PDB file of N, CA and C in Angstrom:
ATOM      1  N   MET A   1      27.867   6.958  45.087  1.00  0.00           N
ATOM      2  CA  MET A   1      27.984   7.370  43.706  1.00  0.00           C
ATOM      3  C   MET A   1      27.910   6.173  42.771  1.00  0.00           C
ATOM      4  N   LYS A   2      28.625   5.066  43.126  1.00  0.00           N
ATOM      5  CA  LYS A   2      28.619   3.870  42.286  1.00  0.00           C
ATOM      6  C   LYS A   2      27.217   3.275  42.200  1.00  0.00           C
ATOM      7  N   ILE A   3      26.512   3.326  43.313  1.00  0.00           N
ATOM      8  CA  ILE A   3      25.151   2.777  43.339  1.00  0.00           C
ATOM      9  C   ILE A   3      24.257   3.571  42.395  1.00  0.00           C
ATOM     10  N   LYS A   4      24.393   4.878  42.355  1.00  0.00           N
ATOM     11  CA  LYS A   4      23.593   5.732  41.473  1.00  0.00           C
ATOM     12  C   LYS A   4      23.876   5.381  40.017  1.00  0.00           C
ATOM     13  N   ILE A   5      25.130   5.180  39.651  1.00  0.00           N
ATOM     14  CA  ILE A   5      25.502   4.846  38.275  1.00  0.00           C
ATOM     15  C   ILE A   5      24.913   3.490  37.889  1.00  0.00           C
ATOM     16  N   ILE A   6      25.020   2.516  38.790  1.00  0.00           N
ATOM     17  CA  ILE A   6      24.469   1.187  38.525  1.00  0.00           C
ATOM     18  C   ILE A   6      22.953   1.275  38.380  1.00  0.00           C
ATOM     19  N   SER A   7      22.314   2.072  39.240  1.00  0.00           N
ATOM     20  CA  SER A   7      20.869   2.259  39.173  1.00  0.00           C
ATOM     21  C   SER A   7      20.475   2.899  37.839  1.00  0.00           C
ATOM     22  N   ASP A   8      21.235   3.919  37.418  1.00  0.00           N
ATOM     23  CA  ASP A   8      20.953   4.586  36.142  1.00  0.00           C
ATOM     24  C   ASP A   8      21.115   3.619  34.974  1.00  0.00           C
ATOM     25  N   ILE A   9      22.139   2.794  35.007  1.00  0.00           N
ATOM     26  CA  ILE A   9      22.370   1.803  33.941  1.00  0.00           C
ATOM     27  C   ILE A   9      21.210   0.822  33.889  1.00  0.00           C
ATOM     28  N   MET A  10      20.759   0.343  35.041  1.00  0.00           N
ATOM     29  CA  MET A  10      19.653  -0.612  35.083  1.00  0.00           C
ATOM     30  C   MET A  10      18.378   0.049  34.564  1.00  0.00           C
ATOM     31  N   ASN A  11      18.137   1.299  34.958  1.00  0.00           N
ATOM     32  CA  ASN A  11      16.962   2.009  34.472  1.00  0.00           C
ATOM     33  C   ASN A  11      17.074   2.236  32.970  1.00  0.00           C
ATOM     34  N   GLY A  12      18.275   2.511  32.484  1.00  0.00           N
ATOM     35  CA  GLY A  12      18.504   2.662  31.056  1.00  0.00           C
ATOM     36  C   GLY A  12      18.188   1.377  30.318  1.00  0.00           C
ATOM     37  N   ASP A  13      18.581   0.249  30.884  1.00  0.00           N
ATOM     38  CA  ASP A  13      18.281  -1.051  30.279  1.00  0.00           C
ATOM     39  C   ASP A  13      16.771  -1.289  30.232  1.00  0.00           C
ATOM     40  N   LYS A  14      16.085  -0.923  31.305  1.00  0.00           N
ATOM     41  CA  LYS A  14      14.627  -1.080  31.342  1.00  0.00           C
ATOM     42  C   LYS A  14      13.972  -0.174  30.304  1.00  0.00           C
ATOM     43  N   LEU A  15      14.498   1.053  30.194  1.00  0.00           N
ATOM     44  CA  LEU A  15      13.969   2.002  29.222  1.00  0.00           C
ATOM     45  C   LEU A  15      14.194   1.483  27.807  1.00  0.00           C
ATOM     46  N   GLU A  16      15.384   0.977  27.541  1.00  0.00           N
ATOM     47  CA  GLU A  16      15.705   0.437  26.222  1.00  0.00           C
ATOM     48  C   GLU A  16      14.787  -0.746  25.894  1.00  0.00           C
ATOM     49  N   LYS A  17      14.580  -1.618  26.864  1.00  0.00           N
ATOM     50  CA  LYS A  17      13.696  -2.770  26.658  1.00  0.00           C
ATOM     51  C   LYS A  17      12.278  -2.301  26.363  1.00  0.00           C
ATOM     52  N   LYS A  18      11.799  -1.306  27.116  1.00  0.00           N
ATOM     53  CA  LYS A  18      10.451  -0.762  26.928  1.00  0.00           C
ATOM     54  C   LYS A  18      10.328  -0.118  25.547  1.00  0.00           C
ATOM     55  N   LEU A  19      11.368   0.618  25.118  1.00  0.00           N
ATOM     56  CA  LEU A  19      11.352   1.247  23.802  1.00  0.00           C
ATOM     57  C   LEU A  19      11.277   0.195  22.697  1.00  0.00           C
ATOM     58  N   PHE A  20      12.051  -0.876  22.821  1.00  0.00           N
ATOM     59  CA  PHE A  20      12.010  -1.942  21.825  1.00  0.00           C
ATOM     60  C   PHE A  20      10.644  -2.627  21.791  1.00  0.00           C
ATOM     61  N   GLU A  21      10.042  -2.817  22.959  1.00  0.00           N
ATOM     62  CA  GLU A  21       8.701  -3.408  23.013  1.00  0.00           C
ATOM     63  C   GLU A  21       7.694  -2.514  22.296  1.00  0.00           C
ATOM     64  N   GLU A  22       7.760  -1.216  22.574  1.00  0.00           N
ATOM     65  CA  GLU A  22       6.852  -0.263  21.928  1.00  0.00           C
ATOM     66  C   GLU A  22       7.084  -0.224  20.423  1.00  0.00           C
ATOM     67  N   LEU A  23       8.344  -0.225  20.010  1.00  0.00           N
ATOM     68  CA  LEU A  23       8.677  -0.204  18.588  1.00  0.00           C
ATOM     69  C   LEU A  23       8.142  -1.449  17.889  1.00  0.00           C
ATOM     70  N   ASN A  24       8.306  -2.599  18.497  1.00  0.00           N
ATOM     71  CA  ASN A  24       7.784  -3.841  17.908  1.00  0.00           C
ATOM     72  C   ASN A  24       6.264  -3.817  17.820  1.00  0.00           C
ATOM     73  N   PHE A  25       5.616  -3.249  18.828  1.00  0.00           N
ATOM     74  CA  PHE A  25       4.154  -3.126  18.813  1.00  0.00           C
ATOM     75  C   PHE A  25       3.705  -2.227  17.658  1.00  0.00           C
ATOM     76  N   ILE A  26       4.403  -1.092  17.495  1.00  0.00           N
ATOM     77  CA  ILE A  26       4.081  -0.164  16.408  1.00  0.00           C
ATOM     78  C   ILE A  26       4.311  -0.824  15.053  1.00  0.00           C
ATOM     79  N   LYS A  27       5.396  -1.561  14.901  1.00  0.00           N
ATOM     80  CA  LYS A  27       5.685  -2.255  13.643  1.00  0.00           C
ATOM     81  C   LYS A  27       4.579  -3.262  13.321  1.00  0.00           C
ATOM     82  N   LYS A  28       4.112  -3.956  14.332  1.00  0.00           N
ATOM     83  CA  LYS A  28       3.036  -4.939  14.136  1.00  0.00           C
ATOM     84  C   LYS A  28       1.758  -4.229  13.688  1.00  0.00           C
ATOM     85  N   GLN A  29       1.420  -3.135  14.345  1.00  0.00           N
ATOM     86  CA  GLN A  29       0.223  -2.386  13.971  1.00  0.00           C
ATOM     87  C   GLN A  29       0.331  -1.831  12.558  1.00  0.00           C
ATOM     88  N   LEU A  30       1.493  -1.327  12.189  1.00  0.00           N
ATOM     89  CA  LEU A  30       1.713  -0.793  10.852  1.00  0.00           C
ATOM     90  C   LEU A  30       1.513  -1.886   9.801  1.00  0.00           C
ATOM     91  N   GLY A  31       2.006  -3.078  10.090  1.00  0.00           N
ATOM     92  CA  GLY A  31       1.807  -4.203   9.175  1.00  0.00           C
ATOM     93  C   GLY A  31       0.333  -4.514   8.980  1.00  0.00           C
ATOM     94  N   GLU A  32      -0.429  -4.480  10.062  1.00  0.00           N
ATOM     95  CA  GLU A  32      -1.870  -4.740   9.981  1.00  0.00           C
ATOM     96  C   GLU A  32      -2.581  -3.643   9.196  1.00  0.00           C
ATOM     97  N   ILE A  33      -2.166  -2.410   9.394  1.00  0.00           N
ATOM     98  CA  ILE A  33      -2.768  -1.289   8.652  1.00  0.00           C
ATOM     99  C   ILE A  33      -2.502  -1.455   7.167  1.00  0.00           C
ATOM    100  N   LYS A  34      -1.246  -1.739   6.807  1.00  0.00           N
ATOM    101  CA  LYS A  34      -0.889  -1.927   5.396  1.00  0.00           C
ATOM    102  C   LYS A  34      -1.694  -3.060   4.769  1.00  0.00           C
ATOM    103  N   GLU A  35      -1.914  -4.113   5.538  1.00  0.00           N
ATOM    104  CA  GLU A  35      -2.647  -5.283   5.053  1.00  0.00           C
ATOM    105  C   GLU A  35      -4.081  -4.931   4.672  1.00  0.00           C
ATOM    106  N   HIS A  36      -4.672  -3.971   5.375  1.00  0.00           N
ATOM    107  CA  HIS A  36      -6.078  -3.634   5.157  1.00  0.00           C
ATOM    108  C   HIS A  36      -6.296  -2.350   4.362  1.00  0.00           C
ATOM    109  N   MET A  37      -5.207  -1.771   3.853  1.00  0.00           N
ATOM    110  CA  MET A  37      -5.332  -0.536   3.070  1.00  0.00           C
ATOM    111  C   MET A  37      -5.888  -0.836   1.684  1.00  0.00           C
ATOM    112  N   VAL A  38      -6.642   0.101   1.168  1.00  0.00           N
ATOM    113  CA  VAL A  38      -7.177  -0.002  -0.183  1.00  0.00           C
ATOM    114  C   VAL A  38      -6.170   0.617  -1.136  1.00  0.00           C
ATOM    115  N   ASP A  39      -5.900  -0.072  -2.229  1.00  0.00           N
ATOM    116  CA  ASP A  39      -5.004   0.468  -3.254  1.00  0.00           C
ATOM    117  C   ASP A  39      -5.765   1.529  -4.028  1.00  0.00           C
ATOM    118  N   ILE A  40      -5.372   2.780  -3.883  1.00  0.00           N
ATOM    119  CA  ILE A  40      -6.092   3.898  -4.491  1.00  0.00           C
ATOM    120  C   ILE A  40      -6.138   3.764  -6.007  1.00  0.00           C
ATOM    121  N   ASP A  41      -5.148   3.126  -6.595  1.00  0.00           N
ATOM    122  CA  ASP A  41      -5.131   2.949  -8.049  1.00  0.00           C
ATOM    123  C   ASP A  41      -6.162   1.929  -8.520  1.00  0.00           C
ATOM    124  N   SER A  42      -6.704   1.151  -7.605  1.00  0.00           N
ATOM    125  CA  SER A  42      -7.697   0.146  -7.998  1.00  0.00           C
ATOM    126  C   SER A  42      -9.125   0.708  -7.983  1.00  0.00           C
ATOM    127  N   LEU A  43      -9.282   1.935  -7.503  1.00  0.00           N
ATOM    128  CA  LEU A  43     -10.600   2.564  -7.460  1.00  0.00           C
ATOM    129  C   LEU A  43     -10.834   3.359  -8.744  1.00  0.00           C
ATOM    130  N   LEU A  44     -12.024   3.279  -9.279  1.00  0.00           N
ATOM    131  CA  LEU A  44     -12.365   4.000 -10.500  1.00  0.00           C
ATOM    132  C   LEU A  44     -13.348   5.128 -10.194  1.00  0.00           C
ATOM    133  N   THR A  45     -13.198   6.214 -10.928  1.00  0.00           N
ATOM    134  CA  THR A  45     -14.176   7.293 -10.830  1.00  0.00           C
ATOM    135  C   THR A  45     -15.409   6.866 -11.620  1.00  0.00           C
ATOM    136  N   ALA A  46     -16.483   7.609 -11.480  1.00  0.00           N
ATOM    137  CA  ALA A  46     -17.714   7.307 -12.225  1.00  0.00           C
ATOM    138  C   ALA A  46     -17.439   7.366 -13.730  1.00  0.00           C
ATOM    139  N   GLU A  47     -16.651   8.350 -14.155  1.00  0.00           N
ATOM    140  CA  GLU A  47     -16.329   8.488 -15.577  1.00  0.00           C
ATOM    141  C   GLU A  47     -15.522   7.282 -16.077  1.00  0.00           C
ATOM    142  N   GLU A  48     -14.552   6.855 -15.277  1.00  0.00           N
ATOM    143  CA  GLU A  48     -13.735   5.697 -15.664  1.00  0.00           C
ATOM    144  C   GLU A  48     -14.571   4.423 -15.736  1.00  0.00           C
ATOM    145  N   LYS A  49     -15.511   4.265 -14.785  1.00  0.00           N
ATOM    146  CA  LYS A  49     -16.398   3.092 -14.822  1.00  0.00           C
ATOM    147  C   LYS A  49     -17.227   3.086 -16.100  1.00  0.00           C
ATOM    148  N   GLU A  50     -17.719   4.239 -16.489  1.00  0.00           N
ATOM    149  CA  GLU A  50     -18.508   4.357 -17.707  1.00  0.00           C
ATOM    150  C   GLU A  50     -17.660   3.991 -18.929  1.00  0.00           C
ATOM    151  N   LEU A  51     -16.424   4.461 -18.973  1.00  0.00           N
ATOM    152  CA  LEU A  51     -15.534   4.135 -20.092  1.00  0.00           C
ATOM    153  C   LEU A  51     -15.260   2.636 -20.180  1.00  0.00           C
ATOM    154  N   VAL A  52     -15.044   2.010 -19.047  1.00  0.00           N
ATOM    155  CA  VAL A  52     -14.812   0.558 -19.023  1.00  0.00           C
ATOM    156  C   VAL A  52     -16.067  -0.175 -19.504  1.00  0.00           C
ATOM    157  N   PHE A  53     -17.228   0.237 -18.999  1.00  0.00           N
ATOM    158  CA  PHE A  53     -18.492  -0.387 -19.404  1.00  0.00           C
ATOM    159  C   PHE A  53     -18.698  -0.265 -20.914  1.00  0.00           C
ATOM    160  N   ARG A  54     -18.458   0.947 -21.460  1.00  0.00           N
ATOM    161  CA  ARG A  54     -18.630   1.158 -22.902  1.00  0.00           C
ATOM    162  C   ARG A  54     -17.614   0.343 -23.704  1.00  0.00           C
ATOM    163  N   SER A  55     -16.430   0.197 -23.163  1.00  0.00           N
ATOM    164  CA  SER A  55     -15.408  -0.603 -23.849  1.00  0.00           C
ATOM    165  C   SER A  55     -15.853  -2.061 -23.944  1.00  0.00           C
ATOM    166  N   PHE A  56     -16.416  -2.598 -22.869  1.00  0.00           N
ATOM    167  CA  PHE A  56     -16.925  -3.976 -22.901  1.00  0.00           C
ATOM    168  C   PHE A  56     -18.064  -4.108 -23.912  1.00  0.00           C
ATOM    169  N   GLU A  57     -18.937  -3.103 -23.920  1.00  0.00           N
ATOM    170  CA  GLU A  57     -20.036  -3.130 -24.900  1.00  0.00           C
ATOM    171  C   GLU A  57     -19.484  -3.140 -26.330  1.00  0.00           C
ATOM    172  N   ASN A  58     -18.503  -2.291 -26.584  1.00  0.00           N
ATOM    173  CA  ASN A  58     -17.896  -2.227 -27.917  1.00  0.00           C
ATOM    174  C   ASN A  58     -17.198  -3.538 -28.287  1.00  0.00           C
ATOM    175  N   GLU A  59     -16.618  -4.180 -27.315  1.00  0.00           N
ATOM    176  CA  GLU A  59     -15.963  -5.468 -27.573  1.00  0.00           C
ATOM    177  C   GLU A  59     -16.997  -6.506 -27.996  1.00  0.00           C
ATOM    178  N   VAL A  60     -18.117  -6.555 -27.279  1.00  0.00           N
ATOM    179  CA  VAL A  60     -19.186  -7.511 -27.598  1.00  0.00           C
ATOM    180  C   VAL A  60     -19.736  -7.240 -28.999  1.00  0.00           C
ATOM    181  N   ARG A  61     -19.836  -5.983 -29.367  1.00  0.00           N
ATOM    182  CA  ARG A  61     -20.389  -5.607 -30.680  1.00  0.00           C
ATOM    183  C   ARG A  61     -19.347  -5.686 -31.804  1.00  0.00           C
ATOM    184  N   GLY A  62     -18.110  -6.015 -31.438  1.00  0.00           N
ATOM    185  CA  GLY A  62     -17.066  -6.127 -32.455  1.00  0.00           C
ATOM    186  C   GLY A  62     -16.571  -4.802 -32.979  1.00  0.00           C
ATOM    187  N   LYS A  63     -16.727  -3.762 -32.219  1.00  0.00           N
ATOM    188  CA  LYS A  63     -16.345  -2.421 -32.660  1.00  0.00           C
ATOM    189  C   LYS A  63     -14.899  -2.050 -32.308  1.00  0.00           C
ATOM    190  N   LEU A  64     -14.190  -2.912 -31.613  1.00  0.00           N
ATOM    191  CA  LEU A  64     -12.817  -2.587 -31.223  1.00  0.00           C
ATOM    192  C   LEU A  64     -11.856  -2.881 -32.367  1.00  0.00           C
ATOM    193  N   VAL A  65     -10.801  -2.094 -32.445  1.00  0.00           N
ATOM    194  CA  VAL A  65      -9.770  -2.279 -33.464  1.00  0.00           C
ATOM    195  C   VAL A  65      -8.547  -2.875 -32.772  1.00  0.00           C
ATOM    196  N   PRO A  66      -8.026  -3.989 -33.275  1.00  0.00           N
ATOM    197  CA  PRO A  66      -6.845  -4.593 -32.647  1.00  0.00           C
ATOM    198  C   PRO A  66      -5.641  -3.650 -32.686  1.00  0.00           C
ATOM    199  N   LEU A  67      -4.818  -3.707 -31.687  1.00  0.00           N
ATOM    200  CA  LEU A  67      -3.639  -2.862 -31.591  1.00  0.00           C
ATOM    201  C   LEU A  67      -2.736  -3.037 -32.803  1.00  0.00           C
ATOM    202  N   LYS A  68      -2.583  -4.253 -33.252  1.00  0.00           N
ATOM    203  CA  LYS A  68      -1.719  -4.540 -34.401  1.00  0.00           C
ATOM    204  C   LYS A  68      -2.183  -3.741 -35.622  1.00  0.00           C
ATOM    205  N   LYS A  69      -3.497  -3.670 -35.836  1.00  0.00           N
ATOM    206  CA  LYS A  69      -4.036  -2.931 -36.965  1.00  0.00           C
ATOM    207  C   LYS A  69      -3.746  -1.428 -36.833  1.00  0.00           C
ATOM    208  N   LEU A  70      -3.880  -0.909 -35.609  1.00  0.00           N
ATOM    209  CA  LEU A  70      -3.584   0.503 -35.371  1.00  0.00           C
ATOM    210  C   LEU A  70      -2.107   0.791 -35.640  1.00  0.00           C
ATOM    211  N   GLU A  71      -1.230  -0.113 -35.206  1.00  0.00           N
ATOM    212  CA  GLU A  71       0.202   0.064 -35.443  1.00  0.00           C
ATOM    213  C   GLU A  71       0.499   0.070 -36.935  1.00  0.00           C
ATOM    214  N   GLU A  72      -0.162  -0.797 -37.678  1.00  0.00           N
ATOM    215  CA  GLU A  72       0.050  -0.863 -39.135  1.00  0.00           C
ATOM    216  C   GLU A  72      -0.431   0.424 -39.790  1.00  0.00           C
ATOM    217  N   MET A  73      -1.501   1.001 -39.279  1.00  0.00           N
ATOM    218  CA  MET A  73      -2.059   2.237 -39.856  1.00  0.00           C
ATOM    219  C   MET A  73      -1.092   3.411 -39.645  1.00  0.00           C
ATOM    220  N   ARG A  74      -0.345   3.400 -38.561  1.00  0.00           N
ATOM    221  CA  ARG A  74       0.586   4.493 -38.259  1.00  0.00           C
ATOM    222  C   ARG A  74       1.820   4.446 -39.136  1.00  0.00           C
ATOM    223  N   LEU A  75       2.174   3.267 -39.618  1.00  0.00           N
ATOM    224  CA  LEU A  75       3.393   3.124 -40.423  1.00  0.00           C
ATOM    225  C   LEU A  75       3.218   3.610 -41.789  1.00  0.00           C
TER     226      LEU A  75
END
């Protein structure tokens, strides 16, 4: 009976060690996945790209109104 308990404890230790190894492997993989993920907020739709392009064009042409001026107009 004592031998069975000791055997179970040793197998439990091996299982615990194996679980920790697997967990560390998963944590490492998760870190690599996060490192290579694309930030969805950094992607623009076609419409958003067009708006940005037109905004740059308007800036070059001097058609933009400074924020300070807009704030003064609201007061």
